[in-house]
Amino acid sequence: MRPQLAVIWILIMATFFPPAARAGECVVLLHGLARSANSLLLMEWSLKRAGYDVVNVDYPSKEATIEDLADRAIPEALFSCRKSETVHFVTHSMGGILLRYYMERVAKPPARLGRTVMMGPPNHGTPVIDQLNDIPGFEYWNGIAGMQMGTGPESLPNRLGPVSFELGIIAGEQSLNPLLSSIIDGPNDGKVSVESTKVEGMSDHMVMPVTHTFMMNNPNVIEQVLAFLKNGSFKRD
């Protein structure tokens, strides 16, 4: 669905379906590589309409390693949610890798950790990095963190272990870039394969007809995010 139609859909839903209060629940949003918090504004607005407190983190995704970005962004977000009894996470793309790294580094999830939804996470990297990393300017556009997301055994995603928190993953199977899709084996969203989004320990996994770039603004994706945060599973009807 086009972004303009998604906005109209959200406004209609907001008009006829008022939010239900979810006192004490905070949702942290982590955007993807080369994006900003603005890319999750529609998700933020939808979560707020559903009654959640929301912290939409803006971090400089191309200026540091995944490790440094995670250690900088996530503690600040948790502090912003310090008054909430439960803290959920919703991530897009590389934001999910930041969260996995942080949760593994702290040894065990915080006691008040709720549920997490990852949209298009490169949990086993992407061959786009492997195939194009020698092209002049590629590292500039993807930054240090982006270059860490290859598919080799030493890439950061592949050095992380299973998840130990309640996690639902949404994968896309439509692409806006046939050239990049031709590099990736199997169904993919133009950046990440469906298979690469999976990770050991996940609670639920859903494949949807959306692209990597715009999946976070798709009203059906937003509906599934809300369903998982509330029930711990995606809607199958």
C-alpha atoms as a PDB file:
ATOM      1  CA  MET A   1       0.000   0.000   0.000  1.00  0.00           C
ATOM      2  CA  ARG A   2       1.230   3.489  -0.833  1.00  0.00           C
ATOM      3  CA  PRO A   3       2.415   5.618   2.116  1.00  0.00           C
ATOM      4  CA  GLN A   4      -0.338   8.197   1.462  1.00  0.00           C
ATOM      5  CA  LEU A   5      -3.017   5.508   1.656  1.00  0.00           C
ATOM      6  CA  ALA A   6      -1.438   4.138   4.824  1.00  0.00           C
ATOM      7  CA  VAL A   7      -1.760   7.542   6.469  1.00  0.00           C
ATOM      8  CA  ILE A   8      -5.408   7.776   5.427  1.00  0.00           C
ATOM      9  CA  TRP A   9      -6.029   4.286   6.814  1.00  0.00           C
ATOM     10  CA  ILE A  10      -4.478   5.192  10.164  1.00  0.00           C
ATOM     11  CA  LEU A  11      -6.574   8.361  10.383  1.00  0.00           C
ATOM     12  CA  ILE A  12      -9.744   6.381   9.687  1.00  0.00           C
ATOM     13  CA  MET A  13      -8.840   3.816  12.344  1.00  0.00           C
ATOM     14  CA  ALA A  14      -8.046   6.584  14.830  1.00  0.00           C
ATOM     15  CA  THR A  15     -11.426   8.194  14.191  1.00  0.00           C
ATOM     16  CA  PHE A  16     -13.604   5.112  14.609  1.00  0.00           C
ATOM     17  CA  PHE A  17     -11.509   3.021  17.007  1.00  0.00           C
ATOM     18  CA  PRO A  18     -10.244   5.092  19.953  1.00  0.00           C
ATOM     19  CA  PRO A  19      -7.161   3.875  21.823  1.00  0.00           C
ATOM     20  CA  ALA A  20      -7.346   1.518  24.770  1.00  0.00           C
ATOM     21  CA  ALA A  21      -5.218   2.578  27.702  1.00  0.00           C
ATOM     22  CA  ARG A  22      -2.152   0.416  28.330  1.00  0.00           C
ATOM     23  CA  ALA A  23      -0.851   1.980  31.497  1.00  0.00           C
ATOM     24  CA  GLY A  24       2.734   1.190  32.367  1.00  0.00           C
ATOM     25  CA  GLU A  25       3.739  -0.192  28.955  1.00  0.00           C
ATOM     26  CA  CYS A  26       6.473   1.507  26.931  1.00  0.00           C
ATOM     27  CA  VAL A  27       7.589   0.629  23.390  1.00  0.00           C
ATOM     28  CA  VAL A  28      11.101   1.414  22.165  1.00  0.00           C
ATOM     29  CA  LEU A  29      11.456   1.861  18.390  1.00  0.00           C
ATOM     30  CA  LEU A  30      14.818   1.213  16.698  1.00  0.00           C
ATOM     31  CA  HIS A  31      15.101   2.200  13.026  1.00  0.00           C
ATOM     32  CA  GLY A  32      17.315   0.586  10.427  1.00  0.00           C
ATOM     33  CA  LEU A  33      20.529   1.401   8.594  1.00  0.00           C
ATOM     34  CA  ALA A  34      20.782   4.822   6.923  1.00  0.00           C
ATOM     35  CA  ARG A  35      17.345   5.737   8.259  1.00  0.00           C
ATOM     36  CA  SER A  36      16.150   7.943  11.102  1.00  0.00           C
ATOM     37  CA  ALA A  37      13.405   8.003  13.687  1.00  0.00           C
ATOM     38  CA  ASN A  38      11.236   9.693  11.049  1.00  0.00           C
ATOM     39  CA  SER A  39      10.970   6.370   9.219  1.00  0.00           C
ATOM     40  CA  LEU A  40       8.984   5.028  12.183  1.00  0.00           C
ATOM     41  CA  LEU A  41       6.729   8.017  12.786  1.00  0.00           C
ATOM     42  CA  LEU A  42       3.624   6.225  11.519  1.00  0.00           C
ATOM     43  CA  MET A  43       4.442   3.211  13.705  1.00  0.00           C
ATOM     44  CA  GLU A  44       5.027   5.547  16.650  1.00  0.00           C
ATOM     45  CA  TRP A  45       1.706   7.291  16.093  1.00  0.00           C
ATOM     46  CA  SER A  46      -0.139   3.973  15.796  1.00  0.00           C
ATOM     47  CA  LEU A  47       1.377   2.623  19.007  1.00  0.00           C
ATOM     48  CA  LYS A  48       0.488   5.802  20.855  1.00  0.00           C
ATOM     49  CA  ARG A  49      -3.065   5.526  19.547  1.00  0.00           C
ATOM     50  CA  ALA A  50      -3.118   2.007  20.997  1.00  0.00           C
ATOM     51  CA  GLY A  51      -2.271   3.446  24.397  1.00  0.00           C
ATOM     52  CA  TYR A  52       1.467   2.768  24.658  1.00  0.00           C
ATOM     53  CA  ASP A  53       4.133   5.195  25.743  1.00  0.00           C
ATOM     54  CA  VAL A  54       6.657   5.294  22.875  1.00  0.00           C
ATOM     55  CA  VAL A  55      10.363   6.134  22.678  1.00  0.00           C
ATOM     56  CA  ASN A  56      11.356   6.531  19.034  1.00  0.00           C
ATOM     57  CA  VAL A  57      15.159   6.385  19.135  1.00  0.00           C
ATOM     58  CA  ASP A  58      17.180   8.392  16.625  1.00  0.00           C
ATOM     59  CA  TYR A  59      20.751   7.085  16.385  1.00  0.00           C
ATOM     60  CA  PRO A  60      23.544   7.792  13.830  1.00  0.00           C
ATOM     61  CA  SER A  61      23.463   4.398  12.132  1.00  0.00           C
ATOM     62  CA  LYS A  62      26.385   5.038   9.758  1.00  0.00           C
ATOM     63  CA  GLU A  63      28.787   6.655  12.187  1.00  0.00           C
ATOM     64  CA  ALA A  64      29.840   3.790  14.474  1.00  0.00           C
ATOM     65  CA  THR A  65      29.898   0.021  14.880  1.00  0.00           C
ATOM     66  CA  ILE A  66      26.804  -1.947  15.808  1.00  0.00           C
ATOM     67  CA  GLU A  67      28.325  -2.558  19.227  1.00  0.00           C
ATOM     68  CA  ASP A  68      28.873   1.150  19.904  1.00  0.00           C
ATOM     69  CA  LEU A  69      25.468   2.119  18.546  1.00  0.00           C
ATOM     70  CA  ALA A  70      23.714  -0.467  20.715  1.00  0.00           C
ATOM     71  CA  ASP A  71      25.579   0.528  23.862  1.00  0.00           C
ATOM     72  CA  ARG A  72      24.691   4.159  23.210  1.00  0.00           C
ATOM     73  CA  ALA A  73      21.081   3.979  22.045  1.00  0.00           C
ATOM     74  CA  ILE A  74      19.458   1.188  24.049  1.00  0.00           C
ATOM     75  CA  PRO A  75      20.429   2.202  27.618  1.00  0.00           C
ATOM     76  CA  GLU A  76      19.182   5.725  26.887  1.00  0.00           C
ATOM     77  CA  ALA A  77      15.893   4.319  25.612  1.00  0.00           C
ATOM     78  CA  LEU A  78      15.487   2.089  28.673  1.00  0.00           C
ATOM     79  CA  PHE A  79      16.111   5.107  30.883  1.00  0.00           C
ATOM     80  CA  SER A  80      13.400   7.010  29.041  1.00  0.00           C
ATOM     81  CA  CYS A  81      11.035   4.106  29.857  1.00  0.00           C
ATOM     82  CA  ARG A  82      12.153   3.971  33.503  1.00  0.00           C
ATOM     83  CA  LYS A  83       8.666   4.742  34.853  1.00  0.00           C
ATOM     84  CA  SER A  84       7.052   1.893  32.892  1.00  0.00           C
ATOM     85  CA  GLU A  85       6.441  -1.543  34.330  1.00  0.00           C
ATOM     86  CA  THR A  86       6.970  -3.235  30.948  1.00  0.00           C
ATOM     87  CA  VAL A  87       9.251  -2.311  28.055  1.00  0.00           C
ATOM     88  CA  HIS A  88       8.611  -3.696  24.559  1.00  0.00           C
ATOM     89  CA  PHE A  89      10.758  -3.250  21.449  1.00  0.00           C
ATOM     90  CA  VAL A  90       9.825  -2.828  17.789  1.00  0.00           C
ATOM     91  CA  THR A  91      12.742  -2.762  15.368  1.00  0.00           C
ATOM     92  CA  HIS A  92      13.345  -2.406  11.662  1.00  0.00           C
ATOM     93  CA  SER A  93      16.240  -4.053   9.809  1.00  0.00           C
ATOM     94  CA  MET A  94      19.575  -3.377  11.549  1.00  0.00           C
ATOM     95  CA  GLY A  95      17.762  -2.101  14.623  1.00  0.00           C
ATOM     96  CA  GLY A  96      17.028  -5.721  15.439  1.00  0.00           C
ATOM     97  CA  ILE A  97      20.727  -6.590  15.354  1.00  0.00           C
ATOM     98  CA  LEU A  98      21.489  -3.764  17.770  1.00  0.00           C
ATOM     99  CA  LEU A  99      18.931  -5.201  20.152  1.00  0.00           C
ATOM    100  CA  ARG A 100      20.202  -8.783  19.829  1.00  0.00           C
ATOM    101  CA  TYR A 101      23.769  -7.659  20.501  1.00  0.00           C
ATOM    102  CA  TYR A 102      22.739  -5.625  23.537  1.00  0.00           C
ATOM    103  CA  MET A 103      20.588  -8.369  25.048  1.00  0.00           C
ATOM    104  CA  GLU A 104      23.360 -10.901  24.615  1.00  0.00           C
ATOM    105  CA  ARG A 105      25.976  -8.582  26.090  1.00  0.00           C
ATOM    106  CA  VAL A 106      23.958  -7.880  29.239  1.00  0.00           C
ATOM    107  CA  ALA A 107      23.792 -11.657  29.850  1.00  0.00           C
ATOM    108  CA  LYS A 108      20.042 -11.714  30.560  1.00  0.00           C
ATOM    109  CA  PRO A 109      17.122  -9.525  29.498  1.00  0.00           C
ATOM    110  CA  PRO A 110      15.889  -6.862  31.918  1.00  0.00           C
ATOM    111  CA  ALA A 111      13.235  -8.145  34.315  1.00  0.00           C
ATOM    112  CA  ARG A 112      10.647  -5.752  32.893  1.00  0.00           C
ATOM    113  CA  LEU A 113      11.269  -6.713  29.266  1.00  0.00           C
ATOM    114  CA  GLY A 114       8.044  -7.419  27.441  1.00  0.00           C
ATOM    115  CA  ARG A 115       7.737  -8.509  23.804  1.00  0.00           C
ATOM    116  CA  THR A 116       9.731  -7.653  20.718  1.00  0.00           C
ATOM    117  CA  VAL A 117       8.773  -7.434  17.058  1.00  0.00           C
ATOM    118  CA  MET A 118      11.521  -7.281  14.437  1.00  0.00           C
ATOM    119  CA  MET A 119      10.656  -6.211  10.896  1.00  0.00           C
ATOM    120  CA  GLY A 120      13.041  -7.442   8.190  1.00  0.00           C
ATOM    121  CA  PRO A 121      15.981  -8.194  10.504  1.00  0.00           C
ATOM    122  CA  PRO A 122      19.160  -9.497   8.774  1.00  0.00           C
ATOM    123  CA  ASN A 123      19.640 -12.103  11.494  1.00  0.00           C
ATOM    124  CA  HIS A 124      22.115 -13.987   9.301  1.00  0.00           C
ATOM    125  CA  GLY A 125      23.358 -10.985   7.360  1.00  0.00           C
ATOM    126  CA  THR A 126      22.724 -10.226   3.706  1.00  0.00           C
ATOM    127  CA  PRO A 127      24.682 -11.158   0.559  1.00  0.00           C
ATOM    128  CA  VAL A 128      24.177  -7.590  -0.638  1.00  0.00           C
ATOM    129  CA  ILE A 129      27.058  -6.643   1.675  1.00  0.00           C
ATOM    130  CA  ASP A 130      29.189  -9.568   0.489  1.00  0.00           C
ATOM    131  CA  GLN A 131      28.731  -8.841  -3.201  1.00  0.00           C
ATOM    132  CA  LEU A 132      28.885  -5.051  -3.292  1.00  0.00           C
ATOM    133  CA  ASN A 133      31.356  -4.126  -0.559  1.00  0.00           C
ATOM    134  CA  ASP A 134      34.187  -3.469  -3.034  1.00  0.00           C
ATOM    135  CA  ILE A 135      32.216  -0.924  -5.047  1.00  0.00           C
ATOM    136  CA  PRO A 136      33.603   2.624  -4.549  1.00  0.00           C
ATOM    137  CA  GLY A 137      31.368   4.597  -2.207  1.00  0.00           C
ATOM    138  CA  PHE A 138      29.498   1.534  -0.917  1.00  0.00           C
ATOM    139  CA  GLU A 139      30.989   1.789   2.572  1.00  0.00           C
ATOM    140  CA  TYR A 140      30.220   5.503   2.669  1.00  0.00           C
ATOM    141  CA  TRP A 141      26.534   4.884   2.026  1.00  0.00           C
ATOM    142  CA  ASN A 142      26.299   1.942   4.423  1.00  0.00           C
ATOM    143  CA  GLY A 143      28.694   3.035   7.156  1.00  0.00           C
ATOM    144  CA  ILE A 144      30.773   0.940   9.516  1.00  0.00           C
ATOM    145  CA  ALA A 145      27.782  -0.862  10.958  1.00  0.00           C
ATOM    146  CA  GLY A 146      26.417  -1.753   7.541  1.00  0.00           C
ATOM    147  CA  MET A 147      29.677  -3.428   6.585  1.00  0.00           C
ATOM    148  CA  GLN A 148      29.311  -5.718   9.613  1.00  0.00           C
ATOM    149  CA  MET A 149      26.197  -7.378   8.198  1.00  0.00           C
ATOM    150  CA  GLY A 150      27.629  -9.825   5.698  1.00  0.00           C
ATOM    151  CA  THR A 151      26.763 -13.511   5.636  1.00  0.00           C
ATOM    152  CA  GLY A 152      30.154 -14.936   6.608  1.00  0.00           C
ATOM    153  CA  PRO A 153      30.692 -16.780   9.895  1.00  0.00           C
ATOM    154  CA  GLU A 154      32.569 -13.810  11.336  1.00  0.00           C
ATOM    155  CA  SER A 155      29.872 -11.242  10.536  1.00  0.00           C
ATOM    156  CA  LEU A 156      28.343  -9.778  13.663  1.00  0.00           C
ATOM    157  CA  PRO A 157      24.829 -11.217  13.177  1.00  0.00           C
ATOM    158  CA  ASN A 158      26.255 -14.714  12.736  1.00  0.00           C
ATOM    159  CA  ARG A 159      28.325 -14.422  15.896  1.00  0.00           C
ATOM    160  CA  LEU A 160      25.242 -13.806  17.998  1.00  0.00           C
ATOM    161  CA  GLY A 161      23.490 -16.683  19.720  1.00  0.00           C
ATOM    162  CA  PRO A 162      19.806 -17.623  20.018  1.00  0.00           C
ATOM    163  CA  VAL A 163      17.411 -15.055  21.426  1.00  0.00           C
ATOM    164  CA  SER A 164      16.253 -15.431  25.007  1.00  0.00           C
ATOM    165  CA  PHE A 165      13.283 -13.084  24.880  1.00  0.00           C
ATOM    166  CA  GLU A 166       9.776 -13.240  23.427  1.00  0.00           C
ATOM    167  CA  LEU A 167      10.224 -12.372  19.758  1.00  0.00           C
ATOM    168  CA  GLY A 168       7.991 -12.148  16.719  1.00  0.00           C
ATOM    169  CA  ILE A 169       9.552 -11.578  13.291  1.00  0.00           C
ATOM    170  CA  ILE A 170       7.929 -10.132  10.171  1.00  0.00           C
ATOM    171  CA  ALA A 171       9.673 -10.858   6.860  1.00  0.00           C
ATOM    172  CA  GLY A 172       8.883  -9.265   3.507  1.00  0.00           C
ATOM    173  CA  GLU A 173       8.710 -11.056   0.176  1.00  0.00           C
ATOM    174  CA  GLN A 174       8.348  -8.166  -2.270  1.00  0.00           C
ATOM    175  CA  SER A 175      11.163  -6.072  -3.722  1.00  0.00           C
ATOM    176  CA  LEU A 176      11.606  -2.626  -5.189  1.00  0.00           C
ATOM    177  CA  ASN A 177      15.060  -3.507  -6.529  1.00  0.00           C
ATOM    178  CA  PRO A 178      15.289  -6.481  -8.927  1.00  0.00           C
ATOM    179  CA  LEU A 179      19.070  -6.082  -9.137  1.00  0.00           C
ATOM    180  CA  LEU A 180      19.597  -6.523  -5.414  1.00  0.00           C
ATOM    181  CA  SER A 181      17.003  -9.280  -5.267  1.00  0.00           C
ATOM    182  CA  SER A 182      18.953 -11.199  -7.915  1.00  0.00           C
ATOM    183  CA  ILE A 183      21.879 -11.375  -5.488  1.00  0.00           C
ATOM    184  CA  ILE A 184      19.753 -12.934  -2.748  1.00  0.00           C
ATOM    185  CA  ASP A 185      18.716 -16.591  -2.780  1.00  0.00           C
ATOM    186  CA  GLY A 186      15.048 -17.334  -2.258  1.00  0.00           C
ATOM    187  CA  PRO A 187      12.140 -15.036  -1.405  1.00  0.00           C
ATOM    188  CA  ASN A 188      13.316 -11.659  -0.149  1.00  0.00           C
ATOM    189  CA  ASP A 189      12.308  -8.059   0.462  1.00  0.00           C
ATOM    190  CA  GLY A 190      15.012  -6.524  -1.744  1.00  0.00           C
ATOM    191  CA  LYS A 191      17.575  -6.385   1.053  1.00  0.00           C
ATOM    192  CA  VAL A 192      17.132  -9.460   3.261  1.00  0.00           C
ATOM    193  CA  SER A 193      15.984 -12.993   2.475  1.00  0.00           C
ATOM    194  CA  VAL A 194      13.044 -14.489   4.314  1.00  0.00           C
ATOM    195  CA  GLU A 195      15.330 -17.247   5.581  1.00  0.00           C
ATOM    196  CA  SER A 196      17.848 -14.763   6.966  1.00  0.00           C
ATOM    197  CA  THR A 197      15.213 -13.107   9.138  1.00  0.00           C
ATOM    198  CA  LYS A 198      14.749 -16.268  11.194  1.00  0.00           C
ATOM    199  CA  VAL A 199      16.637 -16.853  14.433  1.00  0.00           C
ATOM    200  CA  GLU A 200      16.727 -19.663  16.955  1.00  0.00           C
ATOM    201  CA  GLY A 201      14.496 -18.970  19.934  1.00  0.00           C
ATOM    202  CA  MET A 202      11.936 -16.792  18.118  1.00  0.00           C
ATOM    203  CA  SER A 203       8.321 -17.182  19.215  1.00  0.00           C
ATOM    204  CA  ASP A 204       6.560 -16.496  15.914  1.00  0.00           C
ATOM    205  CA  HIS A 205       7.427 -15.700  12.293  1.00  0.00           C
ATOM    206  CA  MET A 206       5.261 -14.268   9.524  1.00  0.00           C
ATOM    207  CA  VAL A 207       5.960 -13.603   5.840  1.00  0.00           C
ATOM    208  CA  MET A 208       4.050 -10.686   4.320  1.00  0.00           C
ATOM    209  CA  PRO A 209       3.843  -9.158   0.795  1.00  0.00           C
ATOM    210  CA  VAL A 210       5.814  -6.044   1.728  1.00  0.00           C
ATOM    211  CA  THR A 211       9.165  -4.478   0.839  1.00  0.00           C
ATOM    212  CA  HIS A 212      12.118  -3.853   3.125  1.00  0.00           C
ATOM    213  CA  THR A 213      12.022  -0.107   2.572  1.00  0.00           C
ATOM    214  CA  PHE A 214       8.388   0.540   3.390  1.00  0.00           C
ATOM    215  CA  MET A 215       7.200  -2.417   5.481  1.00  0.00           C
ATOM    216  CA  MET A 216       7.043  -0.357   8.688  1.00  0.00           C
ATOM    217  CA  ASN A 217       4.381   1.906   7.133  1.00  0.00           C
ATOM    218  CA  ASN A 218       2.156  -0.879   5.864  1.00  0.00           C
ATOM    219  CA  PRO A 219      -1.140  -0.919   7.816  1.00  0.00           C
ATOM    220  CA  ASN A 220      -1.254  -4.725   7.814  1.00  0.00           C
ATOM    221  CA  VAL A 221       2.252  -4.860   9.288  1.00  0.00           C
ATOM    222  CA  ILE A 222       1.279  -2.305  11.929  1.00  0.00           C
ATOM    223  CA  GLU A 223      -1.761  -4.430  12.766  1.00  0.00           C
ATOM    224  CA  GLN A 224       0.459  -7.491  13.208  1.00  0.00           C
ATOM    225  CA  VAL A 225       2.900  -5.569  15.411  1.00  0.00           C
ATOM    226  CA  LEU A 226       0.041  -4.521  17.670  1.00  0.00           C
ATOM    227  CA  ALA A 227      -1.287  -8.085  17.761  1.00  0.00           C
ATOM    228  CA  PHE A 228       2.043  -9.570  18.816  1.00  0.00           C
ATOM    229  CA  LEU A 229       2.691  -6.958  21.489  1.00  0.00           C
ATOM    230  CA  LYS A 230      -0.739  -7.658  22.953  1.00  0.00           C
ATOM    231  CA  ASN A 231      -1.005 -11.435  22.565  1.00  0.00           C
ATOM    232  CA  GLY A 232       2.487 -12.820  21.918  1.00  0.00           C
ATOM    233  CA  SER A 233       1.494 -14.138  18.488  1.00  0.00           C
ATOM    234  CA  PHE A 234       0.569 -12.823  15.046  1.00  0.00           C
ATOM    235  CA  LYS A 235      -2.970 -12.899  13.677  1.00  0.00           C
ATOM    236  CA  ARG A 236      -3.520 -15.809  11.285  1.00  0.00           C
ATOM    237  CA  ASP A 237      -7.100 -15.090  10.251  1.00  0.00           C
END
